[in-house]
Amino acid sequence: ALRAAGAALAATDAVMAGELDNAFCAVRPPGHHACRDKA
């Protein structure tokens, strides 16, 4: 889970820095059902 979130953050850094135009993160566990205080 730390790696999955870390990939999204590293991709954000690289795209913001102009190193990449965009990025795809093939990671798991997925995330969009995780609420602020609930898995």
Full PDB file with SEQRES, HELIX, SHEET, SSBOND, CRYST1, ORIGX, SCALE, CONECT and MASTER records, all heavy atoms in Angstrom:
SEQRES   1 A   39  ALA LEU ARG ALA ALA GLY ALA ALA LEU ALA ALA THR ASP          
SEQRES   2 A   39  ALA VAL MET ALA GLY GLU LEU ASP ASN ALA PHE CYS ALA          
SEQRES   3 A   39  VAL ARG PRO PRO GLY HIS HIS ALA CYS ARG ASP LYS ALA          
HELIX    1 AA1 LEU A    2  MET A   16  1                                  15    
CRYST1    1.000    1.000    1.000  90.00  90.00  90.00 P 1           1          
ORIGX1      1.000000  0.000000  0.000000        0.00000                         
ORIGX2      0.000000  1.000000  0.000000        0.00000                         
ORIGX3      0.000000  0.000000  1.000000        0.00000                         
SCALE1      1.000000  0.000000  0.000000        0.00000                         
SCALE2      0.000000  1.000000  0.000000        0.00000                         
SCALE3      0.000000  0.000000  1.000000        0.00000                         
ATOM      1  N   ALA A   1       0.825  -1.212   0.000  1.00  0.00           N  
ATOM      2  CA  ALA A   1       0.000   0.000   0.000  1.00  0.00           C  
ATOM      3  C   ALA A   1       0.859   1.261   0.000  1.00  0.00           C  
ATOM      4  O   ALA A   1       0.538   2.258  -0.671  1.00  0.00           O  
ATOM      5  CB  ALA A   1      -0.943  -0.013   1.203  1.00  0.00           C  
ATOM      6  N   LEU A   2       1.971   1.235   0.737  1.00  0.00           N  
ATOM      7  CA  LEU A   2       2.882   2.375   0.720  1.00  0.00           C  
ATOM      8  C   LEU A   2       3.516   2.555  -0.657  1.00  0.00           C  
ATOM      9  O   LEU A   2       3.708   3.684  -1.135  1.00  0.00           O  
ATOM     10  CB  LEU A   2       3.977   2.194   1.772  1.00  0.00           C  
ATOM     11  CG  LEU A   2       3.559   2.241   3.236  1.00  0.00           C  
ATOM     12  CD1 LEU A   2       4.789   2.062   4.135  1.00  0.00           C  
ATOM     13  CD2 LEU A   2       2.849   3.547   3.580  1.00  0.00           C  
ATOM     14  N   ARG A   3       3.858   1.443  -1.318  1.00  0.00           N  
ATOM     15  CA  ARG A   3       4.439   1.517  -2.664  1.00  0.00           C  
ATOM     16  C   ARG A   3       3.420   2.041  -3.672  1.00  0.00           C  
ATOM     17  O   ARG A   3       3.772   2.816  -4.573  1.00  0.00           O  
ATOM     18  CB  ARG A   3       4.928   0.142  -3.106  1.00  0.00           C  
ATOM     19  CG  ARG A   3       6.135  -0.370  -2.366  1.00  0.00           C  
ATOM     20  CD  ARG A   3       7.415   0.306  -2.802  1.00  0.00           C  
ATOM     21  NE  ARG A   3       8.566  -0.314  -2.139  1.00  0.00           N  
ATOM     22  CZ  ARG A   3       9.810   0.131  -2.242  1.00  0.00           C  
ATOM     23  NH1 ARG A   3      10.086   1.196  -2.966  1.00  0.00           N  
ATOM     24  NH2 ARG A   3      10.795  -0.499  -1.614  1.00  0.00           N  
ATOM     25  N   ALA A   4       2.171   1.581  -3.548  1.00  0.00           N  
ATOM     26  CA  ALA A   4       1.138   2.024  -4.490  1.00  0.00           C  
ATOM     27  C   ALA A   4       0.923   3.532  -4.396  1.00  0.00           C  
ATOM     28  O   ALA A   4       0.894   4.245  -5.404  1.00  0.00           O  
ATOM     29  CB  ALA A   4      -0.162   1.273  -4.233  1.00  0.00           C  
ATOM     30  N   ALA A   5       0.784   4.024  -3.161  1.00  0.00           N  
ATOM     31  CA  ALA A   5       0.648   5.471  -2.985  1.00  0.00           C  
ATOM     32  C   ALA A   5       1.927   6.183  -3.400  1.00  0.00           C  
ATOM     33  O   ALA A   5       1.892   7.257  -4.026  1.00  0.00           O  
ATOM     34  CB  ALA A   5       0.309   5.792  -1.530  1.00  0.00           C  
ATOM     35  N   GLY A   6       3.074   5.592  -3.086  1.00  0.00           N  
ATOM     36  CA  GLY A   6       4.355   6.198  -3.460  1.00  0.00           C  
ATOM     37  C   GLY A   6       4.519   6.322  -4.959  1.00  0.00           C  
ATOM     38  O   GLY A   6       5.108   7.304  -5.447  1.00  0.00           O  
ATOM     39  N   ALA A   7       4.013   5.355  -5.712  1.00  0.00           N  
ATOM     40  CA  ALA A   7       4.085   5.442  -7.169  1.00  0.00           C  
ATOM     41  C   ALA A   7       3.289   6.633  -7.683  1.00  0.00           C  
ATOM     42  O   ALA A   7       3.744   7.375  -8.566  1.00  0.00           O  
ATOM     43  CB  ALA A   7       3.566   4.145  -7.798  1.00  0.00           C  
ATOM     44  N   ALA A   8       2.090   6.834  -7.127  1.00  0.00           N  
ATOM     45  CA  ALA A   8       1.278   7.977  -7.549  1.00  0.00           C  
ATOM     46  C   ALA A   8       1.977   9.293  -7.244  1.00  0.00           C  
ATOM     47  O   ALA A   8       1.925  10.249  -8.038  1.00  0.00           O  
ATOM     48  CB  ALA A   8      -0.084   7.921  -6.873  1.00  0.00           C  
ATOM     49  N   LEU A   9       2.661   9.354  -6.103  1.00  0.00           N  
ATOM     50  CA  LEU A   9       3.367  10.582  -5.735  1.00  0.00           C  
ATOM     51  C   LEU A   9       4.613  10.790  -6.584  1.00  0.00           C  
ATOM     52  O   LEU A   9       4.893  11.912  -7.029  1.00  0.00           O  
ATOM     53  CB  LEU A   9       3.744  10.534  -4.250  1.00  0.00           C  
ATOM     54  CG  LEU A   9       2.586  10.422  -3.272  1.00  0.00           C  
ATOM     55  CD1 LEU A   9       3.097  10.437  -1.835  1.00  0.00           C  
ATOM     56  CD2 LEU A   9       1.556  11.523  -3.479  1.00  0.00           C  
ATOM     57  N   ALA A  10       5.363   9.703  -6.822  1.00  0.00           N  
ATOM     58  CA  ALA A  10       6.559   9.828  -7.668  1.00  0.00           C  
ATOM     59  C   ALA A  10       6.180  10.213  -9.091  1.00  0.00           C  
ATOM     60  O   ALA A  10       6.884  11.007  -9.740  1.00  0.00           O  
ATOM     61  CB  ALA A  10       7.335   8.510  -7.659  1.00  0.00           C  
ATOM     62  N   ALA A  11       5.087   9.665  -9.577  1.00  0.00           N  
ATOM     63  CA  ALA A  11       4.615  10.037 -10.912  1.00  0.00           C  
ATOM     64  C   ALA A  11       4.228  11.511 -10.952  1.00  0.00           C  
ATOM     65  O   ALA A  11       4.534  12.229 -11.922  1.00  0.00           O  
ATOM     66  CB  ALA A  11       3.432   9.163 -11.305  1.00  0.00           C  
ATOM     67  N   THR A  12       3.577  11.971  -9.896  1.00  0.00           N  
ATOM     68  CA  THR A  12       3.211  13.390  -9.815  1.00  0.00           C  
ATOM     69  C   THR A  12       4.451  14.271  -9.831  1.00  0.00           C  
ATOM     70  O   THR A  12       4.512  15.276 -10.565  1.00  0.00           O  
ATOM     71  CB  THR A  12       2.386  13.642  -8.540  1.00  0.00           C  
ATOM     72  OG1 THR A  12       1.197  12.846  -8.577  1.00  0.00           O  
ATOM     73  CG2 THR A  12       2.013  15.111  -8.411  1.00  0.00           C  
ATOM     74  N   ASP A  13       5.461  13.898  -9.046  1.00  0.00           N  
ATOM     75  CA  ASP A  13       6.708  14.670  -9.026  1.00  0.00           C  
ATOM     76  C   ASP A  13       7.355  14.714 -10.409  1.00  0.00           C  
ATOM     77  O   ASP A  13       7.807  15.775 -10.865  1.00  0.00           O  
ATOM     78  CB  ASP A  13       7.696  14.048  -8.034  1.00  0.00           C  
ATOM     79  CG  ASP A  13       7.333  14.301  -6.581  1.00  0.00           C  
ATOM     80  OD1 ASP A  13       6.586  15.264  -6.302  1.00  0.00           O  
ATOM     81  OD2 ASP A  13       7.800  13.527  -5.722  1.00  0.00           O  
ATOM     82  N   ALA A  14       7.418  13.565 -11.079  1.00  0.00           N  
ATOM     83  CA  ALA A  14       8.105  13.494 -12.370  1.00  0.00           C  
ATOM     84  C   ALA A  14       7.366  14.278 -13.442  1.00  0.00           C  
ATOM     85  O   ALA A  14       7.986  14.939 -14.285  1.00  0.00           O  
ATOM     86  CB  ALA A  14       8.261  12.033 -12.787  1.00  0.00           C  
ATOM     87  N   VAL A  15       6.048  14.217 -13.411  1.00  0.00           N  
ATOM     88  CA  VAL A  15       5.268  14.973 -14.391  1.00  0.00           C  
ATOM     89  C   VAL A  15       5.349  16.468 -14.103  1.00  0.00           C  
ATOM     90  O   VAL A  15       5.515  17.288 -15.016  1.00  0.00           O  
ATOM     91  CB  VAL A  15       3.805  14.473 -14.416  1.00  0.00           C  
ATOM     92  CG1 VAL A  15       2.929  15.386 -15.271  1.00  0.00           C  
ATOM     93  CG2 VAL A  15       3.739  13.041 -14.953  1.00  0.00           C  
ATOM     94  N   MET A  16       5.283  16.841 -12.847  1.00  0.00           N  
ATOM     95  CA  MET A  16       5.391  18.252 -12.493  1.00  0.00           C  
ATOM     96  C   MET A  16       6.765  18.812 -12.852  1.00  0.00           C  
ATOM     97  O   MET A  16       6.895  19.976 -13.249  1.00  0.00           O  
ATOM     98  CB  MET A  16       5.123  18.456 -11.006  1.00  0.00           C  
ATOM     99  CG  MET A  16       3.658  18.344 -10.607  1.00  0.00           C  
ATOM    100  SD  MET A  16       2.591  19.585 -11.384  1.00  0.00           S  
ATOM    101  CE  MET A  16       3.361  21.102 -10.843  1.00  0.00           C  
ATOM    102  N   ALA A  17       7.794  17.987 -12.738  1.00  0.00           N  
ATOM    103  CA  ALA A  17       9.161  18.435 -13.045  1.00  0.00           C  
ATOM    104  C   ALA A  17       9.428  18.482 -14.539  1.00  0.00           C  
ATOM    105  O   ALA A  17      10.482  18.980 -14.959  1.00  0.00           O  
ATOM    106  CB  ALA A  17      10.169  17.511 -12.371  1.00  0.00           C  
ATOM    107  N   GLY A  18       8.507  17.951 -15.345  1.00  0.00           N  
ATOM    108  CA  GLY A  18       8.714  17.917 -16.787  1.00  0.00           C  
ATOM    109  C   GLY A  18       9.573  16.755 -17.249  1.00  0.00           C  
ATOM    110  O   GLY A  18       9.903  16.670 -18.427  1.00  0.00           O  
ATOM    111  N   GLU A  19       9.929  15.830 -16.337  1.00  0.00           N  
ATOM    112  CA  GLU A  19      10.681  14.643 -16.741  1.00  0.00           C  
ATOM    113  C   GLU A  19       9.818  13.714 -17.588  1.00  0.00           C  
ATOM    114  O   GLU A  19      10.319  12.999 -18.459  1.00  0.00           O  
ATOM    115  CB  GLU A  19      11.151  13.871 -15.506  1.00  0.00           C  
ATOM    116  CG  GLU A  19      12.098  14.628 -14.596  1.00  0.00           C  
ATOM    117  CD  GLU A  19      12.338  13.862 -13.308  1.00  0.00           C  
ATOM    118  OE1 GLU A  19      12.028  12.652 -13.266  1.00  0.00           O  
ATOM    119  OE2 GLU A  19      12.850  14.472 -12.339  1.00  0.00           O  
ATOM    120  N   LEU A  20       8.519  13.696 -17.301  1.00  0.00           N  
ATOM    121  CA  LEU A  20       7.541  12.888 -18.024  1.00  0.00           C  
ATOM    122  C   LEU A  20       6.387  13.783 -18.451  1.00  0.00           C  
ATOM    123  O   LEU A  20       6.062  14.765 -17.764  1.00  0.00           O  
ATOM    124  CB  LEU A  20       6.997  11.769 -17.139  1.00  0.00           C  
ATOM    125  CG  LEU A  20       8.002  10.764 -16.562  1.00  0.00           C  
ATOM    126  CD1 LEU A  20       7.315   9.876 -15.533  1.00  0.00           C  
ATOM    127  CD2 LEU A  20       8.614   9.917 -17.683  1.00  0.00           C  
ATOM    128  N   ASP A  21       5.753  13.419 -19.565  1.00  0.00           N  
ATOM    129  CA  ASP A  21       4.549  14.139 -19.972  1.00  0.00           C  
ATOM    130  C   ASP A  21       3.340  13.656 -19.172  1.00  0.00           C  
ATOM    131  O   ASP A  21       2.459  14.432 -18.816  1.00  0.00           O  
ATOM    132  CB  ASP A  21       4.293  13.936 -21.467  1.00  0.00           C  
ATOM    133  CG  ASP A  21       5.385  14.544 -22.320  1.00  0.00           C  
ATOM    134  OD1 ASP A  21       5.638  15.758 -22.173  1.00  0.00           O  
ATOM    135  OD2 ASP A  21       6.006  13.817 -23.115  1.00  0.00           O  
ATOM    136  N   ASN A  22       3.305  12.364 -18.928  1.00  0.00           N  
ATOM    137  CA  ASN A  22       2.216  11.767 -18.159  1.00  0.00           C  
ATOM    138  C   ASN A  22       2.707  10.427 -17.631  1.00  0.00           C  
ATOM    139  O   ASN A  22       3.851  10.029 -17.894  1.00  0.00           O  
ATOM    140  CB  ASN A  22       0.940  11.626 -19.000  1.00  0.00           C  
ATOM    141  CG  ASN A  22       1.187  10.894 -20.314  1.00  0.00           C  
ATOM    142  OD1 ASN A  22       1.806   9.826 -20.333  1.00  0.00           O  
ATOM    143  ND2 ASN A  22       0.682  11.444 -21.420  1.00  0.00           N  
ATOM    144  N   ALA A  23       1.860   9.710 -16.895  1.00  0.00           N  
ATOM    145  CA  ALA A  23       2.309   8.456 -16.293  1.00  0.00           C  
ATOM    146  C   ALA A  23       1.130   7.541 -16.014  1.00  0.00           C  
ATOM    147  O   ALA A  23       0.002   8.000 -15.762  1.00  0.00           O  
ATOM    148  CB  ALA A  23       3.067   8.723 -14.989  1.00  0.00           C  
ATOM    149  N   PHE A  24       1.415   6.242 -16.045  1.00  0.00           N  
ATOM    150  CA  PHE A  24       0.467   5.206 -15.645  1.00  0.00           C  
ATOM    151  C   PHE A  24       1.093   4.396 -14.526  1.00  0.00           C  
ATOM    152  O   PHE A  24       2.230   3.930 -14.649  1.00  0.00           O  
ATOM    153  CB  PHE A  24       0.129   4.294 -16.823  1.00  0.00           C  
ATOM    154  CG  PHE A  24      -0.749   3.121 -16.459  1.00  0.00           C  
ATOM    155  CD1 PHE A  24      -2.061   3.326 -16.060  1.00  0.00           C  
ATOM    156  CD2 PHE A  24      -0.265   1.815 -16.536  1.00  0.00           C  
ATOM    157  CE1 PHE A  24      -2.879   2.249 -15.720  1.00  0.00           C  
ATOM    158  CE2 PHE A  24      -1.075   0.738 -16.206  1.00  0.00           C  
ATOM    159  CZ  PHE A  24      -2.390   0.952 -15.800  1.00  0.00           C  
ATOM    160  N   CYS A  25       0.357   4.235 -13.430  1.00  0.00           N  
ATOM    161  CA  CYS A  25       0.844   3.478 -12.276  1.00  0.00           C  
ATOM    162  C   CYS A  25       0.125   2.138 -12.210  1.00  0.00           C  
ATOM    163  O   CYS A  25      -1.079   2.079 -11.885  1.00  0.00           O  
ATOM    164  CB  CYS A  25       0.603   4.263 -10.991  1.00  0.00           C  
ATOM    165  SG  CYS A  25       1.397   5.886 -10.956  1.00  0.00           S  
ATOM    166  N   ALA A  26       0.843   1.071 -12.561  1.00  0.00           N  
ATOM    167  CA  ALA A  26       0.295  -0.284 -12.472  1.00  0.00           C  
ATOM    168  C   ALA A  26       0.596  -0.804 -11.075  1.00  0.00           C  
ATOM    169  O   ALA A  26       1.629  -1.436 -10.836  1.00  0.00           O  
ATOM    170  CB  ALA A  26       0.913  -1.175 -13.545  1.00  0.00           C  
ATOM    171  N   VAL A  27      -0.286  -0.485 -10.145  1.00  0.00           N  
ATOM    172  CA  VAL A  27      -0.042  -0.767  -8.737  1.00  0.00           C  
ATOM    173  C   VAL A  27      -1.275  -1.409  -8.117  1.00  0.00           C  
ATOM    174  O   VAL A  27      -2.385  -1.302  -8.626  1.00  0.00           O  
ATOM    175  CB  VAL A  27       0.326   0.519  -7.968  1.00  0.00           C  
ATOM    176  CG1 VAL A  27       1.660   1.072  -8.433  1.00  0.00           C  
ATOM    177  CG2 VAL A  27      -0.772   1.586  -8.104  1.00  0.00           C  
ATOM    178  N   ARG A  28      -1.033  -2.060  -7.012  1.00  0.00           N  
ATOM    179  CA  ARG A  28      -2.090  -2.591  -6.174  1.00  0.00           C  
ATOM    180  C   ARG A  28      -1.534  -2.673  -4.754  1.00  0.00           C  
ATOM    181  O   ARG A  28      -0.327  -2.784  -4.605  1.00  0.00           O  
ATOM    182  CB  ARG A  28      -2.610  -3.945  -6.677  1.00  0.00           C  
ATOM    183  CG  ARG A  28      -1.521  -4.974  -6.972  1.00  0.00           C  
ATOM    184  CD  ARG A  28      -2.085  -6.263  -7.521  1.00  0.00           C  
ATOM    185  NE  ARG A  28      -2.969  -6.945  -6.575  1.00  0.00           N  
ATOM    186  CZ  ARG A  28      -2.550  -7.678  -5.569  1.00  0.00           C  
ATOM    187  NH1 ARG A  28      -1.257  -7.830  -5.326  1.00  0.00           N  
ATOM    188  NH2 ARG A  28      -3.410  -8.260  -4.765  1.00  0.00           N  
ATOM    189  N   PRO A  29      -2.380  -2.609  -3.733  1.00  0.00           N  
ATOM    190  CA  PRO A  29      -3.831  -2.544  -3.800  1.00  0.00           C  
ATOM    191  C   PRO A  29      -4.346  -1.258  -4.440  1.00  0.00           C  
ATOM    192  O   PRO A  29      -3.668  -0.233  -4.407  1.00  0.00           O  
ATOM    193  CB  PRO A  29      -4.258  -2.627  -2.335  1.00  0.00           C  
ATOM    194  CG  PRO A  29      -3.081  -2.180  -1.545  1.00  0.00           C  
ATOM    195  CD  PRO A  29      -1.878  -2.603  -2.332  1.00  0.00           C  
ATOM    196  N   PRO A  30      -5.554  -1.362  -5.042  1.00  0.00           N  
ATOM    197  CA  PRO A  30      -6.180  -0.164  -5.603  1.00  0.00           C  
ATOM    198  C   PRO A  30      -6.613   0.778  -4.492  1.00  0.00           C  
ATOM    199  O   PRO A  30      -6.369   0.500  -3.304  1.00  0.00           O  
ATOM    200  CB  PRO A  30      -7.379  -0.732  -6.378  1.00  0.00           C  
ATOM    201  CG  PRO A  30      -7.716  -2.001  -5.658  1.00  0.00           C  
ATOM    202  CD  PRO A  30      -6.399  -2.552  -5.166  1.00  0.00           C  
ATOM    203  N   GLY A  31      -7.275   1.893  -4.856  1.00  0.00           N  
ATOM    204  CA  GLY A  31      -7.485   2.888  -3.821  1.00  0.00           C  
ATOM    205  C   GLY A  31      -8.830   3.574  -3.721  1.00  0.00           C  
ATOM    206  O   GLY A  31      -9.142   4.143  -2.689  1.00  0.00           O  
ATOM    207  N   HIS A  32      -9.664   3.549  -4.781  1.00  0.00           N  
ATOM    208  CA  HIS A  32     -10.745   4.541  -4.808  1.00  0.00           C  
ATOM    209  C   HIS A  32     -11.908   4.256  -3.862  1.00  0.00           C  
ATOM    210  O   HIS A  32     -12.784   5.106  -3.702  1.00  0.00           O  
ATOM    211  CB  HIS A  32     -11.226   4.775  -6.247  1.00  0.00           C  
ATOM    212  CG  HIS A  32     -12.100   3.698  -6.812  1.00  0.00           C  
ATOM    213  ND1 HIS A  32     -13.067   3.969  -7.755  1.00  0.00           N  
ATOM    214  CD2 HIS A  32     -12.138   2.359  -6.598  1.00  0.00           C  
ATOM    215  CE1 HIS A  32     -13.669   2.847  -8.090  1.00  0.00           C  
ATOM    216  NE2 HIS A  32     -13.113   1.856  -7.412  1.00  0.00           N  
ATOM    217  N   HIS A  33     -11.925   3.077  -3.207  1.00  0.00           N  
ATOM    218  CA  HIS A  33     -12.927   2.835  -2.166  1.00  0.00           C  
ATOM    219  C   HIS A  33     -12.417   3.197  -0.771  1.00  0.00           C  
ATOM    220  O   HIS A  33     -13.194   3.182   0.193  1.00  0.00           O  
ATOM    221  CB  HIS A  33     -13.366   1.367  -2.174  1.00  0.00           C  
ATOM    222  CG  HIS A  33     -14.112   0.959  -3.395  1.00  0.00           C  
ATOM    223  ND1 HIS A  33     -15.200   1.654  -3.879  1.00  0.00           N  
ATOM    224  CD2 HIS A  33     -13.916  -0.086  -4.270  1.00  0.00           C  
ATOM    225  CE1 HIS A  33     -15.649   1.067  -4.975  1.00  0.00           C  
ATOM    226  NE2 HIS A  33     -14.879   0.015  -5.236  1.00  0.00           N  
ATOM    227  N   ALA A  34     -11.139   3.483  -0.635  1.00  0.00           N  
ATOM    228  CA  ALA A  34     -10.576   3.815   0.673  1.00  0.00           C  
ATOM    229  C   ALA A  34     -11.018   5.220   1.076  1.00  0.00           C  
ATOM    230  O   ALA A  34     -10.680   6.205   0.424  1.00  0.00           O  
ATOM    231  CB  ALA A  34      -9.056   3.725   0.643  1.00  0.00           C  
ATOM    232  N   CYS A  35     -11.787   5.298   2.152  1.00  0.00           N  
ATOM    233  CA  CYS A  35     -12.273   6.576   2.660  1.00  0.00           C  
ATOM    234  C   CYS A  35     -11.212   7.211   3.558  1.00  0.00           C  
ATOM    235  O   CYS A  35     -10.172   6.622   3.839  1.00  0.00           O  
ATOM    236  CB  CYS A  35     -13.567   6.362   3.447  1.00  0.00           C  
ATOM    237  SG  CYS A  35     -14.902   5.617   2.483  1.00  0.00           S  
ATOM    238  N   ARG A  36     -11.501   8.403   4.000  1.00  0.00           N  
ATOM    239  CA  ARG A  36     -10.539   9.099   4.855  1.00  0.00           C  
ATOM    240  C   ARG A  36     -10.165   8.259   6.073  1.00  0.00           C  
ATOM    241  O   ARG A  36      -8.999   8.205   6.463  1.00  0.00           O  
ATOM    242  CB  ARG A  36     -11.109  10.457   5.297  1.00  0.00           C  
ATOM    243  CG  ARG A  36     -10.164  11.256   6.179  1.00  0.00           C  
ATOM    244  CD  ARG A  36     -10.733  12.618   6.504  1.00  0.00           C  
ATOM    245  NE  ARG A  36     -10.941  13.415   5.301  1.00  0.00           N  
ATOM    246  CZ  ARG A  36      -9.999  14.090   4.667  1.00  0.00           C  
ATOM    247  NH1 ARG A  36      -8.758  14.079   5.127  1.00  0.00           N  
ATOM    248  NH2 ARG A  36     -10.278  14.785   3.579  1.00  0.00           N  
ATOM    249  N   ASP A  37     -11.151   7.586   6.650  1.00  0.00           N  
ATOM    250  CA  ASP A  37     -10.901   6.860   7.900  1.00  0.00           C  
ATOM    251  C   ASP A  37     -11.339   5.399   7.828  1.00  0.00           C  
ATOM    252  O   ASP A  37     -11.620   4.785   8.857  1.00  0.00           O  
ATOM    253  CB  ASP A  37     -11.636   7.553   9.059  1.00  0.00           C  
ATOM    254  CG  ASP A  37     -11.101   8.951   9.323  1.00  0.00           C  
ATOM    255  OD1 ASP A  37      -9.882   9.080   9.532  1.00  0.00           O  
ATOM    256  OD2 ASP A  37     -11.903   9.902   9.295  1.00  0.00           O  
ATOM    257  N   LYS A  38     -11.365   4.819   6.611  1.00  0.00           N  
ATOM    258  CA  LYS A  38     -11.871   3.456   6.499  1.00  0.00           C  
ATOM    259  C   LYS A  38     -11.288   2.765   5.273  1.00  0.00           C  
ATOM    260  O   LYS A  38     -11.293   3.327   4.177  1.00  0.00           O  
ATOM    261  CB  LYS A  38     -13.403   3.480   6.401  1.00  0.00           C  
ATOM    262  CG  LYS A  38     -14.044   2.110   6.349  1.00  0.00           C  
ATOM    263  CD  LYS A  38     -15.560   2.255   6.263  1.00  0.00           C  
ATOM    264  CE  LYS A  38     -16.242   0.899   6.233  1.00  0.00           C  
ATOM    265  NZ  LYS A  38     -17.719   1.036   6.135  1.00  0.00           N  
ATOM    266  N   ALA A  39     -10.792   1.540   5.462  1.00  0.00           N  
ATOM    267  CA  ALA A  39     -10.396   0.677   4.351  1.00  0.00           C  
ATOM    268  C   ALA A  39     -11.586  -0.201   3.981  1.00  0.00           C  
ATOM    269  O   ALA A  39     -12.292  -0.708   4.859  1.00  0.00           O  
ATOM    270  CB  ALA A  39      -9.202  -0.185   4.753  1.00  0.00           C  
TER     271      ALA A  39                                                      
MASTER        0    0    0    1    0    0    0    6  270    1    0    3          
END                                                                             
